[in-house]
Amino acid sequence: MKTTTLVLAFSLYLSSFARADWLQFRGPNATAVSTEKAPADDLKVAWTADLPGRGLSAPIVVGDRVFVTCSSGPGQETLHVFCFNAADGTTRWERAMRTTGRTMTHPKTSVAANTPCSDGERIFALFSSNDLFAFDLDGNLLWLRGLTFDYANASNSLGMSQSPVVIDGTLVVQSENDSESFAAGLDVATGRNKWKLERPKAANWTSATVWKNTVALQSSKGILAVDPATGKTVWDYTDGASTIPSSVGTGETLYAVSHGITALAPEKGSVTQLWRNEKLNPGTASPLVLGDSIYVVNGAGVLIKAAVKNGDEAWKLRLKGPFSGSPVAAGKRIYIVSERGVFQIIDPEAPEGRVLKEIELKETVLTTPALSGGAFYVRSDAKLWKLQ
């Protein structure tokens, strides 16, 4: 009986850390909130893996595999997709390809700026050069597209970073810029267009949000929600939005990065504004909704907590910034990495918010962490870390 009790207790302990895949930028439905229990606060570096080139793309996790992209060479003309074993950081496979599109970027960013995504069976890697690759989990190339061949003027002199999303057999990619700006839904099996939309001709670095069976496309004009299978408009919010931090949707509300934060309730083709707080103004990091609060990191590196019901501010907490990546959350903890490589664990339920721990990675980190299996995966230009 005692042995049975111990086995049951151990099984319950393991189930509390049941692995949840992190399949895209900001994880489940681009909310940045893990469905797993929060790891213990005493995180340490479990392993590191060297990377051969630059990248602002975040890692993604499928089962026991961690995927990350980077670009190398004098002109960042070599594109890499890596698959690492989550357990020990050994390389499972690597694929290296040559660009077919433009590699010009701002010095701070890189050609590997778009976070890959997965449907659990395939890996889709889009680069700023508009090169798009689909692999199976074992690294076999399924198809590729040089989107510059189809849309020759789709480019941005500062580089592009819109991360793709996949939903119900459709891969949604964006290439929004000052010239030939578009979004398209591709068949995951073949890479062929199911639909294509012209988008506002303006530089845009936001990524789509999958919410309530729609894909919400954000631009300086506002937010357009489309049916992922057909590209047909479901609703359209036209009061402008950010072109860097992306919006987040939870429950029945979309929290748009528009005039600060604007809470929207789309219904039957129309959009109702629930509230707006122009002081909740994100810098580069996308906002985070956790429980009954929304969290925004402003341009000064200050984390602001506000109520989701009305946008009223609860507190402000200065962090060690600046930040390019976005915060993520699990349980009752928030996690964020500064540009200087300081991984910070935050207790948002403390009366004024509290930083519980800082881990110095001692490299420039411009990306958002991934969380799966009770561990965090963080990348810089030179390394991939596992913190556990």
Protein backbone atom coordinates (compact mmCIF):
# COMPACT_ATOMS: atom_id res chain seq x y z
CA MET A 1 0.00 0.00 0.00
CA LYS A 2 2.83 2.39 0.86
CA THR A 3 4.55 1.68 -2.47
CA THR A 4 1.30 2.33 -4.36
CA THR A 5 0.87 5.65 -2.55
CA LEU A 6 4.41 6.72 -3.42
CA VAL A 7 3.96 5.79 -7.08
CA LEU A 8 0.67 7.72 -7.21
CA ALA A 9 2.25 10.77 -5.57
CA PHE A 10 5.17 10.69 -8.01
CA SER A 11 2.77 10.37 -10.96
CA LEU A 12 0.80 13.37 -9.74
CA TYR A 13 4.03 15.34 -9.39
CA LEU A 14 5.02 14.53 -12.96
CA SER A 15 1.55 15.37 -14.27
CA SER A 16 1.78 18.80 -12.68
CA PHE A 17 4.55 19.50 -15.18
CA ALA A 18 2.78 17.81 -18.09
CA ARG A 19 4.50 19.07 -21.20
CA ALA A 20 2.61 21.58 -23.31
CA ASP A 21 4.05 22.42 -26.70
CA TRP A 22 5.03 26.02 -27.50
CA LEU A 23 4.24 26.10 -31.20
CA GLN A 24 4.64 29.73 -32.26
CA PHE A 25 5.63 33.25 -31.25
CA ARG A 26 4.16 33.84 -27.76
CA GLY A 27 3.01 30.23 -27.49
CA PRO A 28 -0.62 29.08 -27.18
CA ASN A 29 -2.82 31.23 -29.43
CA ALA A 30 -0.13 33.93 -29.22
CA THR A 31 -1.23 34.70 -25.64
CA ALA A 32 2.26 34.10 -24.13
CA VAL A 33 0.60 32.20 -21.27
CA SER A 34 1.58 28.58 -20.76
CA THR A 35 -0.99 25.98 -19.74
CA GLU A 36 1.66 24.35 -17.54
CA LYS A 37 2.26 24.86 -13.85
CA ALA A 38 4.90 27.53 -13.19
CA PRO A 39 8.41 26.09 -12.72
CA ALA A 40 10.13 26.56 -9.36
CA ASP A 41 11.68 30.01 -8.91
CA ASP A 42 15.19 28.63 -8.40
CA LEU A 43 15.87 28.30 -12.13
CA LYS A 44 19.40 27.54 -13.28
CA VAL A 45 21.08 27.11 -16.65
CA ALA A 46 20.60 23.44 -17.59
CA TRP A 47 22.55 23.62 -20.86
CA THR A 48 23.59 25.92 -23.69
CA ALA A 49 23.98 25.24 -27.40
CA ASP A 50 26.05 27.34 -29.79
CA LEU A 51 24.43 28.93 -32.82
CA PRO A 52 26.35 29.83 -36.01
CA GLY A 53 24.55 33.07 -36.83
CA ARG A 54 22.25 35.88 -35.82
CA GLY A 55 18.57 35.76 -35.02
CA LEU A 56 15.68 37.55 -33.36
CA SER A 57 13.33 34.62 -33.86
CA ALA A 58 12.13 32.94 -30.69
CA PRO A 59 12.50 29.19 -30.11
CA ILE A 60 9.49 26.90 -30.41
CA VAL A 61 9.04 23.50 -28.75
CA VAL A 62 7.32 20.40 -30.15
CA GLY A 63 7.43 17.41 -27.82
CA ASP A 64 11.04 16.75 -26.87
CA ARG A 65 12.46 18.94 -29.65
CA VAL A 66 13.40 22.62 -29.66
CA PHE A 67 13.51 24.46 -32.98
CA VAL A 68 15.25 27.75 -33.69
CA THR A 69 16.36 29.66 -36.81
CA CYS A 70 19.35 31.89 -37.50
CA SER A 71 21.19 33.49 -40.44
CA SER A 72 24.91 33.58 -41.13
CA GLY A 73 27.45 34.76 -43.68
CA PRO A 74 28.74 38.24 -44.59
CA GLY A 75 25.34 39.23 -45.94
CA GLN A 76 23.26 36.84 -43.81
CA GLU A 77 22.70 34.88 -46.99
CA THR A 78 22.75 31.44 -45.32
CA LEU A 79 19.56 30.47 -43.50
CA HIS A 80 19.59 27.84 -40.76
CA VAL A 81 16.88 25.77 -39.10
CA PHE A 82 18.04 23.81 -36.03
CA CYS A 83 16.40 21.02 -34.09
CA PHE A 84 17.84 20.38 -30.61
CA ASN A 85 17.05 17.67 -28.09
CA ALA A 86 15.26 19.37 -25.22
CA ALA A 87 16.80 17.02 -22.67
CA ASP A 88 20.47 17.81 -23.24
CA GLY A 89 20.81 20.42 -26.01
CA THR A 90 22.46 18.09 -28.51
CA THR A 91 21.75 18.81 -32.17
CA ARG A 92 19.19 16.47 -33.65
CA TRP A 93 19.45 18.02 -37.11
CA GLU A 94 20.35 21.21 -38.95
CA ARG A 95 19.34 22.44 -42.37
CA ALA A 96 21.13 25.29 -44.16
CA MET A 97 19.65 27.08 -47.19
CA ARG A 98 20.55 30.05 -49.36
CA THR A 99 18.38 33.14 -49.53
CA THR A 100 16.51 34.01 -52.70
CA GLY A 101 15.18 37.38 -51.50
CA ARG A 102 16.58 40.59 -50.06
CA THR A 103 18.77 40.39 -46.97
CA MET A 104 18.87 44.08 -46.07
CA THR A 105 18.02 44.78 -42.42
CA HIS A 106 18.58 47.35 -39.72
CA PRO A 107 21.81 46.54 -37.82
CA LYS A 108 19.83 45.62 -34.71
CA THR A 109 17.74 42.98 -36.42
CA SER A 110 18.56 40.10 -38.78
CA VAL A 111 17.20 37.98 -41.62
CA ALA A 112 16.17 35.35 -39.03
CA ALA A 113 13.72 37.66 -37.26
CA ASN A 114 10.46 35.76 -37.84
CA THR A 115 9.68 33.07 -35.25
CA PRO A 116 8.84 29.72 -36.87
CA CYS A 117 5.61 27.88 -36.09
CA SER A 118 4.35 24.31 -36.09
CA ASP A 119 1.12 22.35 -36.37
CA GLY A 120 2.67 19.53 -34.36
CA GLU A 121 3.66 17.61 -37.49
CA ARG A 122 5.53 20.19 -39.56
CA ILE A 123 7.85 23.13 -38.95
CA PHE A 124 7.27 26.31 -40.97
CA ALA A 125 10.21 28.72 -41.09
CA LEU A 126 9.75 32.17 -42.66
CA PHE A 127 12.65 34.60 -42.97
CA SER A 128 12.85 38.36 -43.57
CA SER A 129 14.09 37.56 -47.08
CA ASN A 130 10.61 36.12 -47.80
CA ASP A 131 12.04 32.61 -48.03
CA LEU A 132 9.63 30.07 -46.56
CA PHE A 133 10.40 26.41 -45.78
CA ALA A 134 8.31 23.51 -44.49
CA PHE A 135 10.01 20.53 -42.83
CA ASP A 136 8.71 17.48 -41.04
CA LEU A 137 9.89 16.96 -37.47
CA ASP A 138 12.82 14.86 -38.69
CA GLY A 139 14.14 17.61 -40.95
CA ASN A 140 12.89 16.33 -44.29
CA LEU A 141 12.06 19.22 -46.63
CA LEU A 142 8.39 19.09 -47.60
CA TRP A 143 8.19 22.23 -49.72
CA LEU A 144 9.65 25.70 -50.07
CA ARG A 145 8.69 29.04 -51.54
CA GLY A 146 10.75 32.04 -52.47
CA LEU A 147 7.93 34.54 -52.05
CA THR A 148 10.06 37.26 -53.67
CA PHE A 149 9.68 35.40 -56.97
CA ASP A 150 5.90 35.70 -56.70
CA TYR A 151 5.79 39.18 -55.15
CA ALA A 152 8.94 40.94 -56.29
CA ASN A 153 8.39 44.25 -54.51
CA ALA A 154 7.50 42.82 -51.11
CA SER A 155 10.40 44.05 -49.03
CA ASN A 156 11.39 46.42 -46.26
CA SER A 157 14.79 48.12 -46.07
CA LEU A 158 14.78 47.72 -42.25
CA GLY A 159 13.93 44.01 -42.41
CA MET A 160 10.69 42.18 -41.70
CA SER A 161 9.77 40.12 -38.67
CA GLN A 162 6.11 39.11 -38.88
CA SER A 163 5.86 35.58 -37.54
CA PRO A 164 3.58 33.06 -39.27
CA VAL A 165 0.72 31.24 -37.54
CA VAL A 166 -0.99 27.98 -38.43
CA ILE A 167 -4.62 27.05 -37.81
CA ASP A 168 -6.78 24.22 -39.15
CA GLY A 169 -4.58 23.34 -42.11
CA THR A 170 -3.83 26.93 -43.12
CA LEU A 171 -0.48 28.66 -42.68
CA VAL A 172 -0.93 32.45 -42.52
CA VAL A 173 2.09 34.48 -43.61
CA GLN A 174 2.49 38.23 -43.83
CA SER A 175 4.86 40.46 -45.74
CA GLU A 176 3.67 43.94 -44.92
CA ASN A 177 5.77 46.81 -46.19
CA ASP A 178 5.75 50.12 -48.04
CA SER A 179 5.33 48.55 -51.48
CA GLU A 180 3.76 45.17 -52.31
CA SER A 181 2.16 44.48 -48.96
CA PHE A 182 0.18 41.26 -48.52
CA ALA A 183 -1.04 38.51 -46.23
CA ALA A 184 -1.75 35.01 -47.51
CA GLY A 185 -3.20 31.73 -46.33
CA LEU A 186 -1.23 28.71 -47.58
CA ASP A 187 -2.09 25.04 -47.63
CA VAL A 188 0.15 23.39 -45.02
CA ALA A 189 0.66 20.29 -47.18
CA THR A 190 1.67 22.01 -50.43
CA GLY A 191 2.53 25.66 -49.70
CA ARG A 192 0.08 26.82 -52.36
CA ASN A 193 -2.06 29.89 -51.77
CA LYS A 194 -5.58 29.35 -50.54
CA TRP A 195 -6.11 33.09 -50.48
CA LYS A 196 -4.17 36.34 -50.64
CA LEU A 197 -5.09 39.82 -49.40
CA GLU A 198 -3.63 43.19 -50.22
CA ARG A 199 -2.59 44.90 -47.00
CA PRO A 200 -1.90 48.55 -46.10
CA LYS A 201 1.27 49.82 -47.73
CA ALA A 202 3.24 50.64 -44.60
CA ALA A 203 6.10 49.02 -42.72
CA ASN A 204 4.74 46.61 -40.13
CA TRP A 205 6.44 44.22 -37.71
CA THR A 206 3.44 42.89 -35.76
CA SER A 207 2.43 39.24 -35.84
CA ALA A 208 -1.05 37.81 -36.26
CA THR A 209 -3.16 36.70 -33.31
CA VAL A 210 -5.20 33.49 -33.50
CA TRP A 211 -8.39 34.20 -31.58
CA LYS A 212 -11.93 32.77 -31.61
CA ASN A 213 -11.30 30.78 -34.82
CA THR A 214 -10.11 33.88 -36.65
CA VAL A 215 -6.72 35.32 -37.54
CA ALA A 216 -6.42 38.95 -36.46
CA LEU A 217 -4.07 40.91 -38.74
CA GLN A 218 -2.75 44.12 -37.19
CA SER A 219 -1.42 47.17 -39.03
CA SER A 220 -1.21 50.94 -38.68
CA LYS A 221 -4.78 51.11 -40.04
CA GLY A 222 -6.24 48.86 -37.35
CA ILE A 223 -7.02 45.15 -36.98
CA LEU A 224 -8.67 42.96 -39.59
CA ALA A 225 -9.99 39.55 -38.49
CA VAL A 226 -10.28 36.98 -41.26
CA ASP A 227 -11.50 33.43 -41.66
CA PRO A 228 -8.26 31.38 -41.88
CA ALA A 229 -9.73 28.99 -44.48
CA THR A 230 -10.94 31.65 -46.93
CA GLY A 231 -9.39 34.99 -45.99
CA LYS A 232 -12.87 36.54 -45.86
CA THR A 233 -13.40 39.42 -43.45
CA VAL A 234 -15.07 38.52 -40.15
CA TRP A 235 -14.74 41.98 -38.59
CA ASP A 236 -12.67 45.11 -39.10
CA TYR A 237 -11.45 47.61 -36.49
CA THR A 238 -10.25 50.76 -38.26
CA ASP A 239 -9.08 53.14 -35.52
CA GLY A 240 -5.36 52.47 -35.98
CA ALA A 241 -2.94 50.16 -34.15
CA SER A 242 0.73 49.71 -33.35
CA THR A 243 3.18 48.40 -35.95
CA ILE A 244 5.59 46.80 -33.43
CA PRO A 245 3.95 45.21 -30.34
CA SER A 246 1.13 42.79 -31.20
CA SER A 247 -2.32 42.57 -29.65
CA VAL A 248 -3.58 39.71 -27.48
CA GLY A 249 -6.97 38.04 -27.30
CA THR A 250 -8.38 36.06 -24.38
CA GLY A 251 -11.93 34.94 -23.68
CA GLU A 252 -14.38 37.27 -25.40
CA THR A 253 -12.07 40.30 -25.54
CA LEU A 254 -9.24 41.39 -27.79
CA TYR A 255 -6.81 43.79 -26.13
CA ALA A 256 -5.61 45.86 -29.05
CA VAL A 257 -2.37 47.84 -28.98
CA SER A 258 -4.22 50.91 -30.22
CA HIS A 259 -4.04 54.36 -28.57
CA GLY A 260 -2.41 52.65 -25.62
CA ILE A 261 -4.55 49.58 -24.97
CA THR A 262 -8.11 49.40 -26.31
CA ALA A 263 -10.35 46.51 -25.21
CA LEU A 264 -12.55 45.30 -28.07
CA ALA A 265 -15.54 42.95 -28.18
CA PRO A 266 -16.21 41.99 -31.81
CA GLU A 267 -19.63 40.43 -32.43
CA LYS A 268 -21.49 39.62 -35.65
CA GLY A 269 -19.28 41.74 -37.84
CA SER A 270 -19.25 44.82 -35.61
CA VAL A 271 -16.68 45.88 -33.01
CA THR A 272 -17.59 47.36 -29.63
CA GLN A 273 -15.01 49.34 -27.68
CA LEU A 274 -15.20 48.34 -24.02
CA TRP A 275 -12.54 50.71 -22.69
CA ARG A 276 -9.36 52.53 -23.64
CA ASN A 277 -6.35 53.59 -21.56
CA GLU A 278 -3.81 55.64 -23.50
CA LYS A 279 -1.37 55.48 -20.56
CA LEU A 280 -1.01 51.72 -21.05
CA ASN A 281 1.41 52.28 -23.89
CA PRO A 282 3.67 49.31 -24.74
CA GLY A 283 7.20 49.98 -25.97
CA THR A 284 8.42 47.06 -28.07
CA ALA A 285 7.10 44.19 -25.95
CA SER A 286 3.59 42.86 -26.62
CA PRO A 287 1.08 42.99 -23.73
CA LEU A 288 0.20 40.00 -21.55
CA VAL A 289 -3.13 39.03 -20.00
CA LEU A 290 -2.92 36.87 -16.87
CA GLY A 291 -6.00 36.20 -14.80
CA ASP A 292 -8.00 39.38 -14.35
CA SER A 293 -5.09 41.71 -15.17
CA ILE A 294 -3.27 42.99 -18.22
CA TYR A 295 0.46 43.75 -18.09
CA VAL A 296 2.28 46.23 -20.31
CA VAL A 297 6.02 46.96 -20.49
CA ASN A 298 6.47 50.57 -21.58
CA GLY A 299 9.41 52.12 -23.42
CA ALA A 300 11.13 53.00 -20.13
CA GLY A 301 11.22 49.36 -19.00
CA VAL A 302 8.38 49.79 -16.49
CA LEU A 303 5.90 46.95 -16.04
CA ILE A 304 2.35 48.26 -15.56
CA LYS A 305 -0.49 46.17 -14.14
CA ALA A 306 -4.09 47.11 -14.94
CA ALA A 307 -7.52 45.53 -14.63
CA VAL A 308 -8.91 43.78 -17.70
CA LYS A 309 -12.47 44.88 -16.83
CA ASN A 310 -11.82 48.62 -17.16
CA GLY A 311 -8.11 49.30 -17.77
CA ASP A 312 -7.59 50.92 -14.37
CA GLU A 313 -3.95 50.88 -13.29
CA ALA A 314 -2.98 48.88 -10.17
CA TRP A 315 0.79 49.45 -9.92
CA LYS A 316 4.05 50.13 -11.75
CA LEU A 317 7.29 48.18 -11.32
CA ARG A 318 10.61 49.24 -12.81
CA LEU A 319 12.51 46.33 -14.33
CA LYS A 320 16.07 46.02 -15.59
CA GLY A 321 15.55 46.97 -19.24
CA PRO A 322 15.52 47.88 -22.00
CA PHE A 323 13.39 45.20 -23.64
CA SER A 324 12.87 44.01 -27.20
CA GLY A 325 11.33 40.61 -26.40
CA SER A 326 7.90 40.16 -24.81
CA PRO A 327 6.95 38.74 -21.41
CA VAL A 328 5.55 35.23 -20.97
CA ALA A 329 3.71 33.69 -18.03
CA ALA A 330 2.91 30.43 -16.28
CA GLY A 331 0.86 29.91 -13.14
CA LYS A 332 1.22 33.08 -11.08
CA ARG A 333 4.59 34.17 -12.47
CA ILE A 334 5.71 36.49 -15.29
CA TYR A 335 9.06 36.06 -17.04
CA ILE A 336 10.94 38.47 -19.29
CA VAL A 337 14.50 38.86 -20.61
CA SER A 338 16.11 42.27 -21.11
CA GLU A 339 18.28 43.27 -24.04
CA ARG A 340 21.27 42.98 -21.68
CA GLY A 341 20.43 39.34 -21.04
CA VAL A 342 18.86 39.61 -17.58
CA PHE A 343 16.19 36.91 -17.18
CA GLN A 344 13.70 38.21 -14.60
CA ILE A 345 11.08 36.29 -12.62
CA ILE A 346 8.22 38.49 -11.39
CA ASP A 347 5.53 37.92 -8.79
CA PRO A 348 2.60 40.00 -10.11
CA GLU A 349 0.46 39.26 -7.06
CA ALA A 350 2.75 41.12 -4.69
CA PRO A 351 1.10 44.41 -3.61
CA GLU A 352 3.36 46.51 -5.86
CA GLY A 353 4.76 43.68 -7.96
CA ARG A 354 8.12 42.13 -7.09
CA VAL A 355 11.15 40.78 -8.95
CA LEU A 356 11.88 37.43 -7.31
CA LYS A 357 15.03 36.44 -9.16
CA GLU A 358 17.41 37.60 -11.87
CA ILE A 359 19.63 35.34 -13.98
CA GLU A 360 22.48 37.03 -15.83
CA LEU A 361 22.96 35.43 -19.25
CA LYS A 362 25.62 38.02 -20.12
CA GLU A 363 24.71 38.30 -23.79
CA THR A 364 22.41 40.54 -25.80
CA VAL A 365 18.94 38.98 -25.96
CA LEU A 366 16.32 40.57 -28.22
CA THR A 367 13.80 37.74 -28.18
CA THR A 368 10.86 36.23 -26.32
CA PRO A 369 11.36 33.04 -24.26
CA ALA A 370 9.59 29.75 -24.98
CA LEU A 371 8.26 27.61 -22.13
CA SER A 372 7.62 23.85 -22.23
CA GLY A 373 8.15 20.89 -19.94
CA GLY A 374 8.91 23.06 -16.93
CA ALA A 375 11.82 24.77 -18.73
CA PHE A 376 12.51 28.02 -20.54
CA TYR A 377 14.38 28.33 -23.83
CA VAL A 378 16.07 31.66 -24.58
CA ARG A 379 18.27 32.58 -27.53
CA SER A 380 20.80 35.26 -28.40
CA ASP A 381 22.79 35.61 -31.59
CA ALA A 382 25.37 33.17 -30.26
CA LYS A 383 23.54 30.71 -27.98
CA LEU A 384 20.39 28.87 -27.06
CA TRP A 385 19.84 28.41 -23.29
CA LYS A 386 17.68 26.03 -21.35
CA LEU A 387 16.73 27.29 -17.89
CA GLN A 388 15.20 24.77 -15.50
